[in-house]
C-alpha atoms as a PDB file:
ATOM      1  CA  MET A   1     -21.724  18.147   1.013  1.00  0.00           C
ATOM      2  CA  LYS A   2     -21.063  19.408  -2.512  1.00  0.00           C
ATOM      3  CA  HIS A   3     -18.152  21.586  -1.330  1.00  0.00           C
ATOM      4  CA  PHE A   4     -16.793  18.605   0.621  1.00  0.00           C
ATOM      5  CA  ASN A   5     -16.901  16.441  -2.525  1.00  0.00           C
ATOM      6  CA  TYR A   6     -15.014  19.039  -4.561  1.00  0.00           C
ATOM      7  CA  GLY A   7     -12.398  19.350  -1.826  1.00  0.00           C
ATOM      8  CA  LEU A   8     -12.049  15.571  -1.586  1.00  0.00           C
ATOM      9  CA  VAL A   9     -11.606  15.205  -5.339  1.00  0.00           C
ATOM     10  CA  LEU A  10      -8.907  17.879  -5.406  1.00  0.00           C
ATOM     11  CA  LEU A  11      -7.132  16.188  -2.506  1.00  0.00           C
ATOM     12  CA  VAL A  12      -7.286  12.741  -4.118  1.00  0.00           C
ATOM     13  CA  MET A  13      -6.010  13.998  -7.469  1.00  0.00           C
ATOM     14  CA  ALA A  14      -3.231  15.984  -5.784  1.00  0.00           C
ATOM     15  CA  VAL A  15      -2.117  12.835  -3.959  1.00  0.00           C
ATOM     16  CA  LEU A  16      -2.233  10.595  -7.043  1.00  0.00           C
ATOM     17  CA  ILE A  17      -0.140  12.898  -9.234  1.00  0.00           C
ATOM     18  CA  ASN A  18       2.291  13.909  -6.493  1.00  0.00           C
ATOM     19  CA  PRO A  19       5.834  12.889  -7.579  1.00  0.00           C
ATOM     20  CA  PHE A  20       7.079  12.721  -3.967  1.00  0.00           C
ATOM     21  CA  LEU A  21       4.347  10.267  -2.943  1.00  0.00           C
ATOM     22  CA  ALA A  22       4.941   8.318  -6.147  1.00  0.00           C
ATOM     23  CA  GLU A  23       8.427   7.554  -4.808  1.00  0.00           C
ATOM     24  CA  LYS A  24       7.166   6.620  -1.341  1.00  0.00           C
ATOM     25  CA  LEU A  25       4.127   4.593  -2.470  1.00  0.00           C
ATOM     26  CA  GLN A  26       5.149   2.368  -5.364  1.00  0.00           C
ATOM     27  CA  VAL A  27       1.562   1.613  -6.325  1.00  0.00           C
ATOM     28  CA  ILE A  28       1.133   5.306  -7.225  1.00  0.00           C
ATOM     29  CA  GLY A  29       4.392   5.518  -9.155  1.00  0.00           C
ATOM     30  CA  THR A  30       3.674   2.289 -11.000  1.00  0.00           C
ATOM     31  CA  GLY A  31       0.130   3.425 -11.743  1.00  0.00           C
ATOM     32  CA  GLN A  32       1.438   6.715 -13.144  1.00  0.00           C
ATOM     33  CA  GLY A  33       3.783   4.815 -15.438  1.00  0.00           C
ATOM     34  CA  MET A  34       0.962   2.556 -16.609  1.00  0.00           C
ATOM     35  CA  VAL A  35      -1.241   5.534 -17.514  1.00  0.00           C
ATOM     36  CA  GLN A  36       1.661   6.825 -19.621  1.00  0.00           C
ATOM     37  CA  LEU A  37       1.779   3.360 -21.264  1.00  0.00           C
ATOM     38  CA  LYS A  38       5.304   2.707 -20.043  1.00  0.00           C
ATOM     39  CA  ARG A  39       6.543  -0.868 -20.079  1.00  0.00           C
ATOM     40  CA  THR A  40       5.642  -2.777 -16.933  1.00  0.00           C
ATOM     41  CA  THR A  41       7.343  -5.890 -15.609  1.00  0.00           C
ATOM     42  CA  PHE A  42       6.519  -7.991 -12.576  1.00  0.00           C
ATOM     43  CA  SER A  43       9.674  -6.682 -10.932  1.00  0.00           C
ATOM     44  CA  ASP A  44       7.943  -3.264 -10.875  1.00  0.00           C
ATOM     45  CA  LEU A  45       5.121  -4.768  -8.831  1.00  0.00           C
ATOM     46  CA  LEU A  46       7.076  -5.918  -5.785  1.00  0.00           C
ATOM     47  CA  PHE A  47       5.477  -3.393  -3.470  1.00  0.00           C
ATOM     48  CA  PRO A  48       3.614  -4.356  -0.260  1.00  0.00           C
ATOM     49  CA  ARG A  49       0.127  -5.775  -0.705  1.00  0.00           C
ATOM     50  CA  TRP A  50      -1.360  -3.156   1.652  1.00  0.00           C
ATOM     51  CA  GLN A  51      -0.686  -0.491  -0.976  1.00  0.00           C
ATOM     52  CA  SER A  52      -2.935  -2.303  -3.450  1.00  0.00           C
ATOM     53  CA  VAL A  53      -5.547  -2.803  -0.735  1.00  0.00           C
ATOM     54  CA  LEU A  54      -5.421   0.934  -0.041  1.00  0.00           C
ATOM     55  CA  ALA A  55      -5.757   1.729  -3.765  1.00  0.00           C
ATOM     56  CA  ILE A  56      -8.852  -0.422  -4.321  1.00  0.00           C
ATOM     57  CA  SER A  57     -10.397   0.783  -1.058  1.00  0.00           C
ATOM     58  CA  LEU A  58      -9.916   4.397  -2.182  1.00  0.00           C
ATOM     59  CA  ILE A  59     -11.790   3.662  -5.397  1.00  0.00           C
ATOM     60  CA  GLY A  60     -14.532   1.956  -3.381  1.00  0.00           C
ATOM     61  CA  VAL A  61     -14.944   4.976  -1.118  1.00  0.00           C
ATOM     62  CA  LEU A  62     -15.201   7.330  -4.098  1.00  0.00           C
ATOM     63  CA  VAL A  63     -17.753   5.041  -5.733  1.00  0.00           C
ATOM     64  CA  GLY A  64     -19.734   4.926  -2.503  1.00  0.00           C
ATOM     65  CA  LEU A  65     -19.874   8.719  -2.320  1.00  0.00           C
ATOM     66  CA  ASP A  66     -21.761   8.817  -5.635  1.00  0.00           C
ATOM     67  CA  PRO A  67     -25.470   8.338  -4.728  1.00  0.00           C
ATOM     68  CA  ARG A  68     -26.197   7.053  -8.247  1.00  0.00           C
ATOM     69  CA  SER A  69     -23.858   4.086  -7.801  1.00  0.00           C
ATOM     70  CA  HIS A  70     -25.885   2.418  -5.064  1.00  0.00           C
ATOM     71  CA  ALA A  71     -29.382   3.976  -5.276  1.00  0.00           C
ATOM     72  CA  MET A  72     -29.686   4.476  -1.533  1.00  0.00           C
ATOM     73  CA  PRO A  73     -32.978   6.038  -0.404  1.00  0.00           C
ATOM     74  CA  PRO A  74     -32.923   9.667   0.810  1.00  0.00           C
ATOM     75  CA  GLY A  75     -31.937  10.141   4.425  1.00  0.00           C
ATOM     76  CA  VAL A  76     -29.625   7.133   4.595  1.00  0.00           C
ATOM     77  CA  PRO A  77     -26.268   8.028   6.232  1.00  0.00           C
ATOM     78  CA  VAL A  78     -23.370   8.663   3.890  1.00  0.00           C
ATOM     79  CA  TRP A  79     -21.293   5.983   5.574  1.00  0.00           C
ATOM     80  CA  LEU A  80     -23.749   3.303   4.435  1.00  0.00           C
ATOM     81  CA  GLY A  81     -23.222   4.334   0.834  1.00  0.00           C
ATOM     82  CA  VAL A  82     -19.467   4.184   1.384  1.00  0.00           C
ATOM     83  CA  VAL A  83     -19.758   0.670   2.816  1.00  0.00           C
ATOM     84  CA  VAL A  84     -21.765  -0.462  -0.201  1.00  0.00           C
ATOM     85  CA  GLY A  85     -19.231   1.147  -2.551  1.00  0.00           C
ATOM     86  CA  LEU A  86     -16.345  -0.573  -0.794  1.00  0.00           C
ATOM     87  CA  VAL A  87     -17.945  -4.011  -0.742  1.00  0.00           C
ATOM     88  CA  THR A  88     -19.130  -3.964  -4.355  1.00  0.00           C
ATOM     89  CA  THR A  89     -15.823  -2.570  -5.654  1.00  0.00           C
ATOM     90  CA  TRP A  90     -13.861  -5.254  -3.833  1.00  0.00           C
ATOM     91  CA  ALA A  91     -16.207  -7.964  -5.116  1.00  0.00           C
ATOM     92  CA  ALA A  92     -15.699  -6.791  -8.705  1.00  0.00           C
ATOM     93  CA  PHE A  93     -11.924  -6.469  -8.285  1.00  0.00           C
ATOM     94  CA  LEU A  94     -11.409  -9.936  -6.801  1.00  0.00           C
ATOM     95  CA  VAL A  95     -13.560 -11.591  -9.458  1.00  0.00           C
ATOM     96  CA  ILE A  96     -11.711  -9.834 -12.289  1.00  0.00           C
ATOM     97  CA  VAL A  97      -8.323 -10.807 -10.831  1.00  0.00           C
ATOM     98  CA  ALA A  98      -9.470 -14.443 -10.542  1.00  0.00           C
ATOM     99  CA  VAL A  99     -10.787 -14.522 -14.124  1.00  0.00           C
ATOM    100  CA  LEU A 100      -7.634 -12.893 -15.487  1.00  0.00           C
ATOM    101  CA  HIS A 101      -5.470 -15.360 -13.575  1.00  0.00           C
ATOM    102  CA  TRP A 102      -7.274 -18.227 -15.322  1.00  0.00           C
ATOM    103  CA  TRP A 103      -7.413 -16.483 -18.705  1.00  0.00           C
ATOM    104  CA  LEU A 104      -3.733 -15.538 -18.860  1.00  0.00           C
ATOM    105  CA  ARG A 105      -2.592 -19.060 -17.966  1.00  0.00           C
ATOM    106  CA  ARG A 106      -4.478 -20.566 -20.900  1.00  0.00           C
ATOM    107  CA  GLY A 107      -2.260 -21.971 -23.637  1.00  0.00           C
ATOM    108  CA  GLY A 108       0.880 -21.573 -21.540  1.00  0.00           C
ATOM    109  CA  ARG A 109       0.914 -17.798 -21.984  1.00  0.00           C
ATOM    110  CA  TRP A 110       1.790 -17.226 -18.323  1.00  0.00           C
ATOM    111  CA  ASP A 111       3.332 -19.513 -15.733  1.00  0.00           C
ATOM    112  CA  GLY A 112       1.500 -17.870 -12.838  1.00  0.00           C
ATOM    113  CA  GLN A 113       4.656 -16.293 -11.442  1.00  0.00           C
ATOM    114  CA  GLY A 114       4.245 -12.603 -10.626  1.00  0.00           C
ATOM    115  CA  ASP A 115       1.811 -10.471  -8.681  1.00  0.00           C
ATOM    116  CA  LEU A 116      -1.295 -10.045 -10.831  1.00  0.00           C
ATOM    117  CA  PHE A 117      -3.171  -8.614  -7.837  1.00  0.00           C
ATOM    118  CA  ASN A 118      -0.758  -5.666  -7.617  1.00  0.00           C
ATOM    119  CA  LEU A 119      -0.737  -5.243 -11.397  1.00  0.00           C
ATOM    120  CA  VAL A 120      -4.504  -4.888 -11.670  1.00  0.00           C
ATOM    121  CA  ALA A 121      -4.692  -2.628  -8.614  1.00  0.00           C
ATOM    122  CA  ALA A 122      -2.012  -0.276  -9.972  1.00  0.00           C
ATOM    123  CA  SER A 123      -3.671  -0.168 -13.396  1.00  0.00           C
ATOM    124  CA  TRP A 124      -7.008   0.768 -11.801  1.00  0.00           C
ATOM    125  CA  LEU A 125      -5.723   3.366  -9.353  1.00  0.00           C
ATOM    126  CA  LEU A 126      -5.406   6.630 -11.282  1.00  0.00           C
ATOM    127  CA  LEU A 127      -8.048   6.406 -13.991  1.00  0.00           C
ATOM    128  CA  ASP A 128     -10.702   4.603 -11.966  1.00  0.00           C
ATOM    129  CA  SER A 129     -10.228   7.058  -9.090  1.00  0.00           C
ATOM    130  CA  PHE A 130     -10.553   9.926 -11.572  1.00  0.00           C
ATOM    131  CA  CYS A 131     -13.706   8.473 -13.148  1.00  0.00           C
ATOM    132  CA  ALA A 132     -15.270   7.729  -9.755  1.00  0.00           C
ATOM    133  CA  SER A 133     -14.466  11.304  -8.684  1.00  0.00           C
ATOM    134  CA  LEU A 134     -16.177  12.733 -11.760  1.00  0.00           C
ATOM    135  CA  MET A 135     -19.230  10.576 -11.116  1.00  0.00           C
ATOM    136  CA  MET A 136     -19.288  11.682  -7.495  1.00  0.00           C
ATOM    137  CA  LEU A 137     -19.425  15.292  -8.696  1.00  0.00           C
ATOM    138  CA  GLY A 138     -22.436  14.488 -10.877  1.00  0.00           C
ATOM    139  CA  ALA A 139     -20.704  14.099 -14.241  1.00  0.00           C
ATOM    140  CA  SER A 140     -22.578  12.340 -17.026  1.00  0.00           C
ATOM    141  CA  PRO A 141     -21.599   8.684 -17.611  1.00  0.00           C
ATOM    142  CA  LEU A 142     -20.964   9.630 -21.250  1.00  0.00           C
ATOM    143  CA  LEU A 143     -18.282  12.057 -20.076  1.00  0.00           C
ATOM    144  CA  THR A 144     -16.472   9.385 -18.086  1.00  0.00           C
ATOM    145  CA  LEU A 145     -16.858   6.620 -20.705  1.00  0.00           C
ATOM    146  CA  PRO A 146     -13.672   7.512 -22.663  1.00  0.00           C
ATOM    147  CA  PHE A 147     -11.651   7.410 -19.437  1.00  0.00           C
ATOM    148  CA  TRP A 148     -13.125   4.028 -18.447  1.00  0.00           C
ATOM    149  CA  LEU A 149     -12.250   2.678 -21.901  1.00  0.00           C
ATOM    150  CA  TYR A 150      -8.725   4.056 -21.648  1.00  0.00           C
ATOM    151  CA  SER A 151      -8.463   2.369 -18.244  1.00  0.00           C
ATOM    152  CA  VAL A 152      -9.142  -0.971 -19.964  1.00  0.00           C
ATOM    153  CA  TRP A 153      -6.416  -0.196 -22.527  1.00  0.00           C
ATOM    154  CA  VAL A 154      -3.994   0.741 -19.740  1.00  0.00           C
ATOM    155  CA  GLY A 155      -4.648  -2.528 -17.931  1.00  0.00           C
ATOM    156  CA  ALA A 156      -4.288  -4.576 -21.116  1.00  0.00           C
ATOM    157  CA  HIS A 157      -1.043  -2.798 -22.031  1.00  0.00           C
ATOM    158  CA  ALA A 158       0.381  -3.431 -18.565  1.00  0.00           C
ATOM    159  CA  MET A 159      -0.498  -7.128 -18.695  1.00  0.00           C
ATOM    160  CA  ALA A 160       0.865  -7.530 -22.218  1.00  0.00           C
ATOM    161  CA  SER A 161       4.110  -5.850 -21.090  1.00  0.00           C
ATOM    162  CA  ALA A 162       4.491  -8.113 -18.071  1.00  0.00           C
ATOM    163  CA  ILE A 163       3.404 -11.247 -19.957  1.00  0.00           C
ATOM    164  CA  PRO A 164       4.945 -11.095 -23.471  1.00  0.00           C
ATOM    165  CA  LYS A 165       3.050 -14.176 -24.713  1.00  0.00           C
ATOM    166  CA  ALA A 166      -0.285 -12.427 -24.069  1.00  0.00           C
ATOM    167  CA  SER A 167      -1.176  -9.865 -26.722  1.00  0.00           C
ATOM    168  CA  ARG A 168      -3.035  -6.646 -25.927  1.00  0.00           C
ATOM    169  CA  GLY A 169      -6.085  -7.979 -27.738  1.00  0.00           C
ATOM    170  CA  TYR A 170      -6.005 -11.174 -25.692  1.00  0.00           C
ATOM    171  CA  CYS A 171      -5.692  -9.153 -22.476  1.00  0.00           C
ATOM    172  CA  ILE A 172      -8.591  -6.872 -23.472  1.00  0.00           C
ATOM    173  CA  ALA A 173     -10.703  -9.968 -24.134  1.00  0.00           C
ATOM    174  CA  GLY A 174      -9.814 -11.270 -20.668  1.00  0.00           C
ATOM    175  CA  ILE A 175     -10.857  -7.993 -19.048  1.00  0.00           C
ATOM    176  CA  ALA A 176     -14.120  -7.989 -21.001  1.00  0.00           C
ATOM    177  CA  ILE A 177     -14.855 -11.579 -19.995  1.00  0.00           C
ATOM    178  CA  GLY A 178     -14.039 -10.772 -16.367  1.00  0.00           C
ATOM    179  CA  LEU A 179     -16.414  -7.797 -16.318  1.00  0.00           C
ATOM    180  CA  VAL A 180     -19.480 -10.020 -16.744  1.00  0.00           C
ATOM    181  CA  PRO A 181     -19.070 -12.136 -13.579  1.00  0.00           C
ATOM    182  CA  ALA A 182     -17.648  -9.073 -11.789  1.00  0.00           C
ATOM    183  CA  LEU A 183     -20.862  -7.117 -12.398  1.00  0.00           C
ATOM    184  CA  LEU A 184     -22.930 -10.123 -11.344  1.00  0.00           C
ATOM    185  CA  ALA A 185     -20.879 -10.498  -8.174  1.00  0.00           C
ATOM    186  CA  SER A 186     -21.252  -6.791  -7.379  1.00  0.00           C
ATOM    187  CA  GLY A 187     -25.007  -7.015  -7.917  1.00  0.00           C
ATOM    188  CA  LEU A 188     -25.269 -10.062  -5.660  1.00  0.00           C
ATOM    189  CA  VAL A 189     -23.195  -8.425  -2.929  1.00  0.00           C
ATOM    190  CA  PHE A 190     -25.276  -5.244  -3.237  1.00  0.00           C
ATOM    191  CA  ALA A 191     -28.469  -7.276  -2.810  1.00  0.00           C
ATOM    192  CA  LEU A 192     -27.075  -9.106   0.230  1.00  0.00           C
ATOM    193  CA  VAL A 193     -25.965  -5.836   1.822  1.00  0.00           C
ATOM    194  CA  GLY A 194     -29.441  -4.424   1.161  1.00  0.00           C
ATOM    195  CA  VAL A 195     -31.077  -7.392   2.882  1.00  0.00           C
ATOM    196  CA  VAL A 196     -28.771  -7.029   5.882  1.00  0.00           C
ATOM    197  CA  MET A 197     -29.582  -3.325   6.119  1.00  0.00           C
ATOM    198  CA  VAL A 198     -33.335  -3.989   6.011  1.00  0.00           C
ATOM    199  CA  VAL A 199     -33.124  -6.820   8.570  1.00  0.00           C
ATOM    200  CA  THR A 200     -31.045  -4.707  10.948  1.00  0.00           C
ATOM    201  CA  GLY A 201     -33.280  -1.685  10.474  1.00  0.00           C
ATOM    202  CA  LEU A 202     -30.606   0.516   8.924  1.00  0.00           C
ATOM    203  CA  VAL A 203     -32.965   1.308   6.045  1.00  0.00           C
ATOM    204  CA  PRO A 204     -36.768   1.071   5.892  1.00  0.00           C
ATOM    205  CA  GLY A 205     -38.143  -2.209   4.609  1.00  0.00           C
ATOM    206  CA  ALA A 206     -39.907  -0.477   1.745  1.00  0.00           C
ATOM    207  CA  ALA A 207     -36.584   0.821   0.436  1.00  0.00           C
END
């Protein structure tokens, strides 16, 4: 399993930094530009929604492959961990997008025109995939912390570029505010999934 994880991480990173795929999949190209702190406009985010869905699902799978992220008992199939990772990642993502949509419209900073869903997904793709990959390989959370923090800066910079009336500081505050309900939502979803697994006999009741 360890060799599989290393191979998967290498494959994922090779895909995400591939210049050819960056041209074919705009979410990758846009995400690469965001990591380099290039200016982002909503016209850069007019790629199909399925690309963003694929990006967030990839992060969810990588999160689910890290046993520490969902505390599954020994012997539980890997696919159950992946399901939990997918569901909790999507719960957190949707909550953060909803909070940011409300936050950025405060005070007339944003008129609501533009694809915030695609913006957040693209800003998450590279760094969050990288951090989730490191965690999957057993890296210390302290090692990944600087990359998570830079991911927040990348997202705030992208939003401030697309929405000139929203400063980077204001965008960072919105992300921070969104993280609280996002974590609560992920915890609630995790608990519900756990109950379903116990009821259906997928995991022992004691777990």
